[in-house]
Amino acid sequence: MVVVDPPMSELTVGLLVSLGARGPGQRPLRTTNDLTFNLIPQSLPTARIDFDHPSPIRYWADQDLNVAFPRDRLAELAEEGTIGALAPTTISMLGSITLWDRLATDTAPRIKAEFDAQGVDVVLIVPFCPGCHRAMMIVARALEGRGMPTLSLSTLADTSEAFKPPRTALVDYPPGSPCGRVADPVHQRETLRAALGVPLNVATRQVVQVPLTYQADGGADWEEQTLQLYRDGKNVVFDDAVAHGRTESLAGQEAEFTIRCEC
């Protein structure tokens, strides 16, 4: 476990997202098992960024990219001093990946090299769909095993418990909108401030519940809306399940995998 002593206000934060974001001229990421990533510079306006994740829960990010690609909000937190700085380039993947071994032993080291070159002290990992949560938590463990501290922002408690990333800020928000409400920068900043408050300088795995609600009235109508999005997008969900069914599993090789990926 990596131990970091300086406060977040002195650290450079790198951002890793999994909704398949890309800028002009960058190729679309494949929707299943794409182990590559795009580098998106801070200088590129958010309005010029597209994303390729086919999940039905793209509904929220289609309206406001910052709910899953919180680069603008993190830049604002850097200006106010909540974080020391935001790394100048975001790393974007499309996280529907089940090629665990290659993800941890090939892709994760390349991600770390990119963040090392930017002087990153800690990586904020923002998974998108349920499949993205699993893949990005594998990446979190692999980065941490190689000396790069990570913090995962999760909407799925069960997945976080099963895949055990080193540090998790858990939000009771819709999958696909982990960084706050659509078109509500104040709520998004509050969410990120709370998430970034998860302690880094501890030697045990941390899961911290963010004490915020998604809806202004504290309700959970978004739960039924999420289910309906999946019902309406059942063909996409089925195709994704079939594609992932042809890929590898960790079952029976957990110990060997952990040794190989250094996590």
C-alpha atoms as a PDB file:
ATOM      1  CA  MET A   1       0.000   0.000   0.000  1.00  0.00           C
ATOM      2  CA  VAL A   2       1.320   3.416  -0.997  1.00  0.00           C
ATOM      3  CA  VAL A   3       1.470   6.018   1.773  1.00  0.00           C
ATOM      4  CA  VAL A   4       1.095   9.697   0.822  1.00  0.00           C
ATOM      5  CA  ASP A   5       1.692  12.312   3.504  1.00  0.00           C
ATOM      6  CA  PRO A   6       1.098  15.762   1.892  1.00  0.00           C
ATOM      7  CA  PRO A   7      -2.502  17.067   1.892  1.00  0.00           C
ATOM      8  CA  MET A   8      -4.544  17.002  -1.312  1.00  0.00           C
ATOM      9  CA  SER A   9      -4.090  20.764  -1.590  1.00  0.00           C
ATOM     10  CA  GLU A  10      -0.415  20.127  -2.360  1.00  0.00           C
ATOM     11  CA  LEU A  11      -0.854  17.246  -4.799  1.00  0.00           C
ATOM     12  CA  THR A  12      -1.155  17.048  -8.574  1.00  0.00           C
ATOM     13  CA  VAL A  13      -4.218  14.970  -9.485  1.00  0.00           C
ATOM     14  CA  GLY A  14      -4.366  12.890 -12.642  1.00  0.00           C
ATOM     15  CA  LEU A  15      -7.761  11.985 -14.117  1.00  0.00           C
ATOM     16  CA  LEU A  16      -8.586   8.570 -15.610  1.00  0.00           C
ATOM     17  CA  VAL A  17     -12.087   8.152 -17.079  1.00  0.00           C
ATOM     18  CA  SER A  18     -13.715   5.148 -18.744  1.00  0.00           C
ATOM     19  CA  LEU A  19     -16.566   6.481 -20.891  1.00  0.00           C
ATOM     20  CA  GLY A  20     -14.535   6.330 -24.104  1.00  0.00           C
ATOM     21  CA  ALA A  21     -13.939  10.064 -24.493  1.00  0.00           C
ATOM     22  CA  ARG A  22     -12.027  11.373 -27.497  1.00  0.00           C
ATOM     23  CA  GLY A  23     -11.101  14.654 -29.066  1.00  0.00           C
ATOM     24  CA  PRO A  24     -11.120  15.729 -32.738  1.00  0.00           C
ATOM     25  CA  GLY A  25      -8.995  13.425 -34.874  1.00  0.00           C
ATOM     26  CA  GLN A  26      -8.747  10.690 -32.245  1.00  0.00           C
ATOM     27  CA  ARG A  27     -10.106   7.323 -33.243  1.00  0.00           C
ATOM     28  CA  PRO A  28     -13.248   5.974 -31.560  1.00  0.00           C
ATOM     29  CA  LEU A  29     -12.428   3.401 -28.921  1.00  0.00           C
ATOM     30  CA  ARG A  30     -13.838  -0.072 -29.447  1.00  0.00           C
ATOM     31  CA  THR A  31     -16.852  -0.822 -27.301  1.00  0.00           C
ATOM     32  CA  THR A  32     -15.450  -4.081 -25.889  1.00  0.00           C
ATOM     33  CA  ASN A  33     -11.960  -5.003 -24.711  1.00  0.00           C
ATOM     34  CA  ASP A  34     -10.067  -2.028 -26.107  1.00  0.00           C
ATOM     35  CA  LEU A  35      -6.830  -1.901 -24.127  1.00  0.00           C
ATOM     36  CA  THR A  36      -5.696   1.409 -25.637  1.00  0.00           C
ATOM     37  CA  PHE A  37      -6.470   4.909 -24.412  1.00  0.00           C
ATOM     38  CA  ASN A  38      -6.770   8.483 -25.631  1.00  0.00           C
ATOM     39  CA  LEU A  39      -4.853  11.447 -24.226  1.00  0.00           C
ATOM     40  CA  ILE A  40      -7.075  14.505 -23.960  1.00  0.00           C
ATOM     41  CA  PRO A  41      -5.315  17.828 -23.241  1.00  0.00           C
ATOM     42  CA  GLN A  42      -6.737  20.325 -20.804  1.00  0.00           C
ATOM     43  CA  SER A  43      -6.572  22.933 -23.557  1.00  0.00           C
ATOM     44  CA  LEU A  44      -9.283  21.118 -25.567  1.00  0.00           C
ATOM     45  CA  PRO A  45     -12.701  22.653 -24.781  1.00  0.00           C
ATOM     46  CA  THR A  46     -15.208  20.218 -23.295  1.00  0.00           C
ATOM     47  CA  ALA A  47     -17.700  21.065 -26.035  1.00  0.00           C
ATOM     48  CA  ARG A  48     -15.330  19.443 -28.559  1.00  0.00           C
ATOM     49  CA  ILE A  49     -15.074  16.127 -26.691  1.00  0.00           C
ATOM     50  CA  ASP A  50     -17.197  13.148 -27.775  1.00  0.00           C
ATOM     51  CA  PHE A  51     -17.520   9.757 -26.100  1.00  0.00           C
ATOM     52  CA  ASP A  52     -18.225   6.299 -27.473  1.00  0.00           C
ATOM     53  CA  HIS A  53     -19.518   4.213 -24.586  1.00  0.00           C
ATOM     54  CA  PRO A  54     -22.730   2.543 -25.827  1.00  0.00           C
ATOM     55  CA  SER A  55     -24.288   1.902 -22.407  1.00  0.00           C
ATOM     56  CA  PRO A  56     -27.890   3.077 -21.937  1.00  0.00           C
ATOM     57  CA  ILE A  57     -26.707   5.023 -18.898  1.00  0.00           C
ATOM     58  CA  ARG A  58     -24.899   7.490 -21.155  1.00  0.00           C
ATOM     59  CA  TYR A  59     -28.167   9.432 -20.803  1.00  0.00           C
ATOM     60  CA  TRP A  60     -26.728  11.775 -18.142  1.00  0.00           C
ATOM     61  CA  ALA A  61     -23.325  12.362 -19.749  1.00  0.00           C
ATOM     62  CA  ASP A  62     -25.024  13.101 -23.069  1.00  0.00           C
ATOM     63  CA  GLN A  63     -26.512  16.131 -21.314  1.00  0.00           C
ATOM     64  CA  ASP A  64     -23.459  17.142 -19.268  1.00  0.00           C
ATOM     65  CA  LEU A  65     -20.071  15.524 -19.824  1.00  0.00           C
ATOM     66  CA  ASN A  66     -18.804  16.654 -16.428  1.00  0.00           C
ATOM     67  CA  VAL A  67     -20.975  14.106 -14.617  1.00  0.00           C
ATOM     68  CA  ALA A  68     -18.544  11.410 -15.814  1.00  0.00           C
ATOM     69  CA  PHE A  69     -15.587  13.418 -17.145  1.00  0.00           C
ATOM     70  CA  PRO A  70     -15.128  15.972 -14.351  1.00  0.00           C
ATOM     71  CA  ARG A  71     -12.193  17.811 -15.851  1.00  0.00           C
ATOM     72  CA  ASP A  72     -13.800  21.262 -15.699  1.00  0.00           C
ATOM     73  CA  ARG A  73     -14.809  20.812 -12.074  1.00  0.00           C
ATOM     74  CA  LEU A  74     -11.336  19.569 -11.090  1.00  0.00           C
ATOM     75  CA  ALA A  75      -9.781  22.592 -12.767  1.00  0.00           C
ATOM     76  CA  GLU A  76     -12.041  24.773 -10.626  1.00  0.00           C
ATOM     77  CA  LEU A  77     -10.996  22.852  -7.502  1.00  0.00           C
ATOM     78  CA  ALA A  78      -7.376  23.499  -8.433  1.00  0.00           C
ATOM     79  CA  GLU A  79      -8.120  27.224  -8.728  1.00  0.00           C
ATOM     80  CA  GLU A  80      -9.719  27.290  -5.274  1.00  0.00           C
ATOM     81  CA  GLY A  81      -6.889  25.273  -3.711  1.00  0.00           C
ATOM     82  CA  THR A  82      -8.743  22.040  -2.896  1.00  0.00           C
ATOM     83  CA  ILE A  83      -6.140  20.223  -4.992  1.00  0.00           C
ATOM     84  CA  GLY A  84      -2.660  21.423  -5.791  1.00  0.00           C
ATOM     85  CA  ALA A  85      -3.019  21.081  -9.550  1.00  0.00           C
ATOM     86  CA  LEU A  86      -4.807  19.112 -12.241  1.00  0.00           C
ATOM     87  CA  ALA A  87      -2.572  17.151 -14.604  1.00  0.00           C
ATOM     88  CA  PRO A  88      -2.593  18.765 -18.057  1.00  0.00           C
ATOM     89  CA  THR A  89      -3.752  15.612 -19.871  1.00  0.00           C
ATOM     90  CA  THR A  90      -6.644  13.276 -19.043  1.00  0.00           C
ATOM     91  CA  ILE A  91      -6.406   9.583 -19.867  1.00  0.00           C
ATOM     92  CA  SER A  92      -9.597   8.184 -21.371  1.00  0.00           C
ATOM     93  CA  MET A  93     -10.430   4.520 -21.899  1.00  0.00           C
ATOM     94  CA  LEU A  94     -13.592   2.645 -22.785  1.00  0.00           C
ATOM     95  CA  GLY A  95     -13.810   0.463 -19.731  1.00  0.00           C
ATOM     96  CA  SER A  96     -15.878  -2.504 -20.902  1.00  0.00           C
ATOM     97  CA  ILE A  97     -12.855  -4.756 -20.534  1.00  0.00           C
ATOM     98  CA  THR A  98     -12.486  -8.300 -19.215  1.00  0.00           C
ATOM     99  CA  LEU A  99      -8.980  -9.037 -20.473  1.00  0.00           C
ATOM    100  CA  TRP A 100      -7.793  -8.633 -16.894  1.00  0.00           C
ATOM    101  CA  ASP A 101      -4.264  -9.927 -17.303  1.00  0.00           C
ATOM    102  CA  ARG A 102      -3.283  -7.687 -20.204  1.00  0.00           C
ATOM    103  CA  LEU A 103      -5.119  -4.738 -18.645  1.00  0.00           C
ATOM    104  CA  ALA A 104      -3.073  -5.026 -15.452  1.00  0.00           C
ATOM    105  CA  THR A 105       0.299  -6.054 -16.846  1.00  0.00           C
ATOM    106  CA  ASP A 106       0.417  -4.097 -20.120  1.00  0.00           C
ATOM    107  CA  THR A 107      -2.063  -1.205 -20.106  1.00  0.00           C
ATOM    108  CA  ALA A 108      -1.678  -0.140 -16.471  1.00  0.00           C
ATOM    109  CA  PRO A 109       2.111   0.359 -16.733  1.00  0.00           C
ATOM    110  CA  ARG A 110       1.600   2.518 -19.831  1.00  0.00           C
ATOM    111  CA  ILE A 111      -0.983   4.587 -17.972  1.00  0.00           C
ATOM    112  CA  LYS A 112       1.426   5.018 -15.084  1.00  0.00           C
ATOM    113  CA  ALA A 113       4.183   6.144 -17.444  1.00  0.00           C
ATOM    114  CA  GLU A 114       1.892   8.842 -18.867  1.00  0.00           C
ATOM    115  CA  PHE A 115       0.975  10.097 -15.400  1.00  0.00           C
ATOM    116  CA  ASP A 116       4.581   9.940 -14.197  1.00  0.00           C
ATOM    117  CA  ALA A 117       5.575  12.183 -17.097  1.00  0.00           C
ATOM    118  CA  GLN A 118       3.024  14.750 -15.885  1.00  0.00           C
ATOM    119  CA  GLY A 119       4.260  14.724 -12.303  1.00  0.00           C
ATOM    120  CA  VAL A 120       1.029  13.184 -10.995  1.00  0.00           C
ATOM    121  CA  ASP A 121       0.867  12.391  -7.272  1.00  0.00           C
ATOM    122  CA  VAL A 122      -2.518  10.635  -7.147  1.00  0.00           C
ATOM    123  CA  VAL A 123      -4.951   9.400  -9.816  1.00  0.00           C
ATOM    124  CA  LEU A 124      -8.703   9.969  -9.559  1.00  0.00           C
ATOM    125  CA  ILE A 125     -10.371   7.069 -11.383  1.00  0.00           C
ATOM    126  CA  VAL A 126     -13.954   7.619 -12.569  1.00  0.00           C
ATOM    127  CA  PRO A 127     -15.656   4.413 -13.796  1.00  0.00           C
ATOM    128  CA  PHE A 128     -18.735   4.730 -15.998  1.00  0.00           C
ATOM    129  CA  CYS A 129     -20.861   1.580 -16.399  1.00  0.00           C
ATOM    130  CA  PRO A 130     -20.880  -1.548 -14.175  1.00  0.00           C
ATOM    131  CA  GLY A 131     -18.353  -3.257 -16.452  1.00  0.00           C
ATOM    132  CA  CYS A 132     -16.140  -0.177 -16.290  1.00  0.00           C
ATOM    133  CA  HIS A 133     -16.155  -0.378 -12.505  1.00  0.00           C
ATOM    134  CA  ARG A 134     -14.618  -3.840 -12.574  1.00  0.00           C
ATOM    135  CA  ALA A 135     -11.951  -2.954 -15.139  1.00  0.00           C
ATOM    136  CA  MET A 136     -10.999   0.371 -13.580  1.00  0.00           C
ATOM    137  CA  MET A 137     -10.663  -1.208 -10.143  1.00  0.00           C
ATOM    138  CA  ILE A 138      -8.219  -3.710 -11.625  1.00  0.00           C
ATOM    139  CA  VAL A 139      -6.290  -0.734 -13.030  1.00  0.00           C
ATOM    140  CA  ALA A 140      -6.403   0.994  -9.626  1.00  0.00           C
ATOM    141  CA  ARG A 141      -4.846  -2.020  -7.930  1.00  0.00           C
ATOM    142  CA  ALA A 142      -2.216  -2.397 -10.644  1.00  0.00           C
ATOM    143  CA  LEU A 143      -1.245   1.290 -10.504  1.00  0.00           C
ATOM    144  CA  GLU A 144      -1.044   1.202  -6.734  1.00  0.00           C
ATOM    145  CA  GLY A 145       1.111  -1.922  -6.854  1.00  0.00           C
ATOM    146  CA  ARG A 146       3.550   0.027  -9.022  1.00  0.00           C
ATOM    147  CA  GLY A 147       3.714   2.969  -6.623  1.00  0.00           C
ATOM    148  CA  MET A 148       1.007   5.292  -7.996  1.00  0.00           C
ATOM    149  CA  PRO A 149      -1.674   6.187  -5.392  1.00  0.00           C
ATOM    150  CA  THR A 150      -5.269   6.022  -6.628  1.00  0.00           C
ATOM    151  CA  LEU A 151      -8.746   7.040  -5.556  1.00  0.00           C
ATOM    152  CA  SER A 152     -11.783   5.444  -7.226  1.00  0.00           C
ATOM    153  CA  LEU A 153     -15.155   7.218  -7.399  1.00  0.00           C
ATOM    154  CA  SER A 154     -17.732   4.418  -7.335  1.00  0.00           C
ATOM    155  CA  THR A 155     -21.513   4.140  -7.623  1.00  0.00           C
ATOM    156  CA  LEU A 156     -21.493   0.365  -6.996  1.00  0.00           C
ATOM    157  CA  ALA A 157     -20.824  -0.785  -3.432  1.00  0.00           C
ATOM    158  CA  ASP A 158     -20.936  -4.516  -4.232  1.00  0.00           C
ATOM    159  CA  THR A 159     -18.419  -4.206  -7.056  1.00  0.00           C
ATOM    160  CA  SER A 160     -16.112  -2.107  -4.902  1.00  0.00           C
ATOM    161  CA  GLU A 161     -16.227  -4.760  -2.206  1.00  0.00           C
ATOM    162  CA  ALA A 162     -15.594  -7.570  -4.686  1.00  0.00           C
ATOM    163  CA  PHE A 163     -12.702  -5.948  -6.605  1.00  0.00           C
ATOM    164  CA  LYS A 164     -11.175  -4.090  -3.651  1.00  0.00           C
ATOM    165  CA  PRO A 165      -9.480  -1.004  -5.112  1.00  0.00           C
ATOM    166  CA  PRO A 166      -7.157   0.647  -2.575  1.00  0.00           C
ATOM    167  CA  ARG A 167      -9.382   3.675  -1.868  1.00  0.00           C
ATOM    168  CA  THR A 168     -12.997   4.245  -2.815  1.00  0.00           C
ATOM    169  CA  ALA A 169     -15.302   7.227  -2.471  1.00  0.00           C
ATOM    170  CA  LEU A 170     -18.751   5.657  -2.716  1.00  0.00           C
ATOM    171  CA  VAL A 171     -21.652   7.789  -3.956  1.00  0.00           C
ATOM    172  CA  ASP A 172     -25.337   6.872  -3.944  1.00  0.00           C
ATOM    173  CA  TYR A 173     -25.745   8.217  -7.474  1.00  0.00           C
ATOM    174  CA  PRO A 174     -26.776   6.696 -10.813  1.00  0.00           C
ATOM    175  CA  PRO A 175     -24.151   4.676 -12.666  1.00  0.00           C
ATOM    176  CA  GLY A 176     -23.105   6.963 -15.489  1.00  0.00           C
ATOM    177  CA  SER A 177     -23.388  10.086 -13.324  1.00  0.00           C
ATOM    178  CA  PRO A 178     -20.846   9.526 -10.526  1.00  0.00           C
ATOM    179  CA  CYS A 179     -19.672  13.131 -10.268  1.00  0.00           C
ATOM    180  CA  GLY A 180     -22.964  14.820  -9.465  1.00  0.00           C
ATOM    181  CA  ARG A 181     -26.179  16.119 -10.953  1.00  0.00           C
ATOM    182  CA  VAL A 182     -26.566  17.186 -14.572  1.00  0.00           C
ATOM    183  CA  ALA A 183     -26.062  20.924 -15.145  1.00  0.00           C
ATOM    184  CA  ASP A 184     -25.312  21.493 -11.451  1.00  0.00           C
ATOM    185  CA  PRO A 185     -21.655  22.568 -11.116  1.00  0.00           C
ATOM    186  CA  VAL A 186     -22.118  23.349  -7.423  1.00  0.00           C
ATOM    187  CA  HIS A 187     -23.263  19.790  -6.662  1.00  0.00           C
ATOM    188  CA  GLN A 188     -20.499  18.378  -8.843  1.00  0.00           C
ATOM    189  CA  ARG A 189     -17.842  20.363  -6.969  1.00  0.00           C
ATOM    190  CA  GLU A 190     -19.331  19.313  -3.620  1.00  0.00           C
ATOM    191  CA  THR A 191     -19.199  15.677  -4.719  1.00  0.00           C
ATOM    192  CA  LEU A 192     -15.583  15.888  -5.833  1.00  0.00           C
ATOM    193  CA  ARG A 193     -14.501  17.776  -2.697  1.00  0.00           C
ATOM    194  CA  ALA A 194     -16.048  15.056  -0.548  1.00  0.00           C
ATOM    195  CA  ALA A 195     -14.503  12.286  -2.638  1.00  0.00           C
ATOM    196  CA  LEU A 196     -11.064  13.864  -2.550  1.00  0.00           C
ATOM    197  CA  GLY A 197     -11.313  13.934   1.233  1.00  0.00           C
ATOM    198  CA  VAL A 198     -10.780  10.166   1.428  1.00  0.00           C
ATOM    199  CA  PRO A 199      -7.542   9.695   3.406  1.00  0.00           C
ATOM    200  CA  LEU A 200      -4.521   8.743   1.318  1.00  0.00           C
ATOM    201  CA  ASN A 201      -2.011   8.211   4.108  1.00  0.00           C
ATOM    202  CA  VAL A 202      -3.439   5.019   5.581  1.00  0.00           C
ATOM    203  CA  ALA A 203      -2.155   1.483   5.187  1.00  0.00           C
ATOM    204  CA  THR A 204      -5.532  -0.281   4.937  1.00  0.00           C
ATOM    205  CA  ARG A 205      -8.121  -0.321   2.165  1.00  0.00           C
ATOM    206  CA  GLN A 206     -10.573   2.557   2.529  1.00  0.00           C
ATOM    207  CA  VAL A 207     -14.231   2.762   1.450  1.00  0.00           C
ATOM    208  CA  VAL A 208     -15.805   6.089   2.413  1.00  0.00           C
ATOM    209  CA  GLN A 209     -19.465   6.910   1.769  1.00  0.00           C
ATOM    210  CA  VAL A 210     -19.869  10.422   0.353  1.00  0.00           C
ATOM    211  CA  PRO A 211     -22.555  12.115   2.522  1.00  0.00           C
ATOM    212  CA  LEU A 212     -24.499  13.707  -0.341  1.00  0.00           C
ATOM    213  CA  THR A 213     -27.740  12.824  -2.101  1.00  0.00           C
ATOM    214  CA  TYR A 214     -28.220  12.837  -5.857  1.00  0.00           C
ATOM    215  CA  GLN A 215     -31.607  14.523  -5.956  1.00  0.00           C
ATOM    216  CA  ALA A 216     -32.101  17.900  -4.360  1.00  0.00           C
ATOM    217  CA  ASP A 217     -35.051  16.570  -2.310  1.00  0.00           C
ATOM    218  CA  GLY A 218     -33.057  13.548  -1.141  1.00  0.00           C
ATOM    219  CA  GLY A 219     -35.220  11.134  -3.131  1.00  0.00           C
ATOM    220  CA  ALA A 220     -34.108   8.243  -5.307  1.00  0.00           C
ATOM    221  CA  ASP A 221     -36.329   8.492  -8.384  1.00  0.00           C
ATOM    222  CA  TRP A 222     -33.155   8.039 -10.441  1.00  0.00           C
ATOM    223  CA  GLU A 223     -33.141   4.350  -9.491  1.00  0.00           C
ATOM    224  CA  GLU A 224     -36.290   3.630 -11.504  1.00  0.00           C
ATOM    225  CA  GLN A 225     -35.039   5.875 -14.299  1.00  0.00           C
ATOM    226  CA  THR A 226     -31.815   3.845 -14.449  1.00  0.00           C
ATOM    227  CA  LEU A 227     -33.746   0.567 -14.645  1.00  0.00           C
ATOM    228  CA  GLN A 228     -35.888   1.978 -17.437  1.00  0.00           C
ATOM    229  CA  LEU A 229     -32.809   3.063 -19.380  1.00  0.00           C
ATOM    230  CA  TYR A 230     -31.528  -0.506 -19.231  1.00  0.00           C
ATOM    231  CA  ARG A 231     -34.926  -1.878 -20.244  1.00  0.00           C
ATOM    232  CA  ASP A 232     -35.038   0.453 -23.236  1.00  0.00           C
ATOM    233  CA  GLY A 233     -31.452  -0.450 -24.171  1.00  0.00           C
ATOM    234  CA  LYS A 234     -31.775  -4.204 -23.685  1.00  0.00           C
ATOM    235  CA  ASN A 235     -30.280  -5.001 -27.095  1.00  0.00           C
ATOM    236  CA  VAL A 236     -27.093  -3.097 -26.257  1.00  0.00           C
ATOM    237  CA  VAL A 237     -26.899  -4.845 -22.883  1.00  0.00           C
ATOM    238  CA  PHE A 238     -27.374  -8.269 -24.483  1.00  0.00           C
ATOM    239  CA  ASP A 239     -24.721  -7.656 -27.138  1.00  0.00           C
ATOM    240  CA  ASP A 240     -22.278  -6.506 -24.465  1.00  0.00           C
ATOM    241  CA  ALA A 241     -22.933  -9.588 -22.338  1.00  0.00           C
ATOM    242  CA  VAL A 242     -22.322 -11.868 -25.335  1.00  0.00           C
ATOM    243  CA  ALA A 243     -19.070 -10.099 -26.185  1.00  0.00           C
ATOM    244  CA  HIS A 244     -17.775 -10.329 -22.638  1.00  0.00           C
ATOM    245  CA  GLY A 245     -18.819 -13.951 -22.390  1.00  0.00           C
ATOM    246  CA  ARG A 246     -16.035 -14.823 -24.830  1.00  0.00           C
ATOM    247  CA  THR A 247     -13.289 -13.345 -22.662  1.00  0.00           C
ATOM    248  CA  GLU A 248     -11.189 -14.544 -19.761  1.00  0.00           C
ATOM    249  CA  SER A 249     -12.113 -14.933 -16.115  1.00  0.00           C
ATOM    250  CA  LEU A 250     -10.105 -14.515 -12.931  1.00  0.00           C
ATOM    251  CA  ALA A 251     -11.811 -17.466 -11.291  1.00  0.00           C
ATOM    252  CA  GLY A 252      -9.275 -19.946  -9.996  1.00  0.00           C
ATOM    253  CA  GLN A 253      -6.236 -17.781 -10.730  1.00  0.00           C
ATOM    254  CA  GLU A 254      -6.684 -14.858  -8.353  1.00  0.00           C
ATOM    255  CA  ALA A 255      -3.413 -15.409  -6.476  1.00  0.00           C
ATOM    256  CA  GLU A 256      -1.312 -15.849  -9.619  1.00  0.00           C
ATOM    257  CA  PHE A 257      -2.907 -12.771 -11.179  1.00  0.00           C
ATOM    258  CA  THR A 258      -2.146 -10.639  -8.123  1.00  0.00           C
ATOM    259  CA  ILE A 259       1.496 -11.629  -8.255  1.00  0.00           C
ATOM    260  CA  ARG A 260       1.826 -10.905 -11.974  1.00  0.00           C
ATOM    261  CA  CYS A 261       0.140  -7.512 -11.842  1.00  0.00           C
ATOM    262  CA  GLU A 262       1.960  -6.501  -8.645  1.00  0.00           C
ATOM    263  CA  CYS A 263      -1.354  -5.632  -6.958  1.00  0.00           C
END
